[in-house]
Amino acid sequence: MLNLPAETFWLLVPWPFIWMVLAIVLYFKLKREDELEEQEIEGEK
């Protein structure tokens, strides 16, 4: 465990995974909003 105490190890290890999940969720959320915006713009023309 990288020669860290167990408590410190478990406080640090989950964060990269939490950030990756957050990034993936935001990516798909913003992508969907972007596609809806493009459809609205095309519909106005």
N, C-alpha and C. Protein backbone atom coordinates (compact mmCIF):
# COMPACT_ATOMS: atom_id res chain seq x y z
N MET A 1 0.82 -1.21 0.00
CA MET A 1 0.00 0.00 0.00
C MET A 1 0.86 1.26 0.00
N LEU A 2 1.89 1.27 -0.76
CA LEU A 2 2.76 2.44 -0.92
C LEU A 2 3.39 2.90 0.39
N ASN A 3 3.53 2.01 1.36
CA ASN A 3 4.10 2.31 2.68
C ASN A 3 3.36 3.43 3.41
N LEU A 4 2.06 3.55 3.17
CA LEU A 4 1.23 4.52 3.88
C LEU A 4 0.41 3.80 4.92
N PRO A 5 0.02 4.49 5.99
CA PRO A 5 -0.93 3.88 6.92
C PRO A 5 -2.24 3.57 6.19
N ALA A 6 -2.93 2.53 6.62
CA ALA A 6 -4.15 2.09 5.92
C ALA A 6 -5.18 3.21 5.81
N GLU A 7 -5.35 3.98 6.88
CA GLU A 7 -6.36 5.05 6.86
C GLU A 7 -6.04 6.08 5.78
N THR A 8 -4.78 6.49 5.70
CA THR A 8 -4.36 7.46 4.68
C THR A 8 -4.53 6.87 3.29
N PHE A 9 -4.17 5.62 3.13
CA PHE A 9 -4.31 4.94 1.84
C PHE A 9 -5.76 5.00 1.36
N TRP A 10 -6.69 4.65 2.24
CA TRP A 10 -8.09 4.60 1.82
C TRP A 10 -8.72 5.99 1.70
N LEU A 11 -8.08 7.01 2.27
CA LEU A 11 -8.57 8.38 2.04
C LEU A 11 -8.13 8.90 0.68
N LEU A 12 -6.96 8.45 0.21
CA LEU A 12 -6.40 8.98 -1.04
C LEU A 12 -6.80 8.18 -2.28
N VAL A 13 -6.88 6.87 -2.15
CA VAL A 13 -7.06 6.01 -3.32
C VAL A 13 -8.37 6.23 -4.08
N PRO A 14 -9.52 6.44 -3.42
CA PRO A 14 -10.77 6.54 -4.18
C PRO A 14 -10.90 7.80 -5.04
N TRP A 15 -10.16 8.86 -4.74
CA TRP A 15 -10.40 10.13 -5.42
C TRP A 15 -10.20 10.11 -6.93
N PRO A 16 -9.16 9.47 -7.47
CA PRO A 16 -9.07 9.44 -8.94
C PRO A 16 -10.28 8.79 -9.59
N PHE A 17 -10.82 7.76 -8.95
CA PHE A 17 -12.00 7.09 -9.51
C PHE A 17 -13.23 7.99 -9.41
N ILE A 18 -13.35 8.71 -8.29
CA ILE A 18 -14.48 9.64 -8.13
C ILE A 18 -14.43 10.72 -9.20
N TRP A 19 -13.23 11.27 -9.46
CA TRP A 19 -13.10 12.32 -10.48
C TRP A 19 -13.39 11.79 -11.87
N MET A 20 -12.96 10.55 -12.14
CA MET A 20 -13.23 9.96 -13.46
C MET A 20 -14.72 9.76 -13.68
N VAL A 21 -15.42 9.26 -12.67
CA VAL A 21 -16.87 9.07 -12.79
C VAL A 21 -17.55 10.42 -13.00
N LEU A 22 -17.15 11.41 -12.24
CA LEU A 22 -17.73 12.75 -12.38
C LEU A 22 -17.48 13.30 -13.79
N ALA A 23 -16.27 13.12 -14.29
CA ALA A 23 -15.93 13.62 -15.63
C ALA A 23 -16.77 12.92 -16.71
N ILE A 24 -16.95 11.62 -16.58
CA ILE A 24 -17.74 10.88 -17.57
C ILE A 24 -19.20 11.32 -17.54
N VAL A 25 -19.75 11.49 -16.34
CA VAL A 25 -21.14 11.93 -16.21
C VAL A 25 -21.32 13.32 -16.83
N LEU A 26 -20.41 14.23 -16.50
CA LEU A 26 -20.52 15.59 -17.05
C LEU A 26 -20.33 15.59 -18.57
N TYR A 27 -19.43 14.75 -19.08
CA TYR A 27 -19.20 14.68 -20.52
C TYR A 27 -20.50 14.32 -21.24
N PHE A 28 -21.17 13.26 -20.78
CA PHE A 28 -22.39 12.84 -21.47
C PHE A 28 -23.52 13.82 -21.25
N LYS A 29 -23.60 14.43 -20.08
CA LYS A 29 -24.65 15.43 -19.82
C LYS A 29 -24.47 16.64 -20.74
N LEU A 30 -23.25 17.15 -20.81
CA LEU A 30 -23.01 18.33 -21.65
C LEU A 30 -23.12 17.98 -23.13
N LYS A 31 -22.72 16.78 -23.50
CA LYS A 31 -22.83 16.36 -24.91
C LYS A 31 -24.30 16.32 -25.33
N ARG A 32 -25.15 15.78 -24.44
CA ARG A 32 -26.59 15.72 -24.75
C ARG A 32 -27.17 17.12 -24.88
N GLU A 33 -26.79 18.03 -23.96
CA GLU A 33 -27.29 19.40 -24.03
C GLU A 33 -26.82 20.09 -25.32
N ASP A 34 -25.59 19.81 -25.72
CA ASP A 34 -25.05 20.40 -26.94
C ASP A 34 -25.82 19.91 -28.17
N GLU A 35 -26.12 18.61 -28.20
CA GLU A 35 -26.87 18.06 -29.33
C GLU A 35 -28.28 18.65 -29.39
N LEU A 36 -28.91 18.83 -28.23
CA LEU A 36 -30.24 19.44 -28.20
C LEU A 36 -30.20 20.87 -28.70
N GLU A 37 -29.14 21.59 -28.32
CA GLU A 37 -28.98 22.97 -28.78
C GLU A 37 -28.83 23.01 -30.30
N GLU A 38 -28.03 22.09 -30.85
CA GLU A 38 -27.84 22.06 -32.31
C GLU A 38 -29.15 21.75 -33.02
N GLN A 39 -29.97 20.87 -32.46
CA GLN A 39 -31.26 20.55 -33.08
C GLN A 39 -32.18 21.77 -33.06
N GLU A 40 -32.14 22.53 -31.97
CA GLU A 40 -32.97 23.73 -31.88
C GLU A 40 -32.54 24.75 -32.93
N ILE A 41 -31.23 24.91 -33.10
CA ILE A 41 -30.71 25.87 -34.08
C ILE A 41 -31.11 25.44 -35.49
N GLU A 42 -30.98 24.15 -35.79
CA GLU A 42 -31.36 23.65 -37.11
C GLU A 42 -32.86 23.79 -37.34
N GLY A 43 -33.65 23.64 -36.29
CA GLY A 43 -35.09 23.76 -36.41
C GLY A 43 -35.54 25.19 -36.69
N GLU A 44 -34.76 26.17 -36.24
CA GLU A 44 -35.11 27.58 -36.45
C GLU A 44 -34.84 28.03 -37.87
N LYS A 45 -33.90 27.36 -38.54
CA LYS A 45 -33.53 27.79 -39.89
C LYS A 45 -34.62 27.48 -40.90
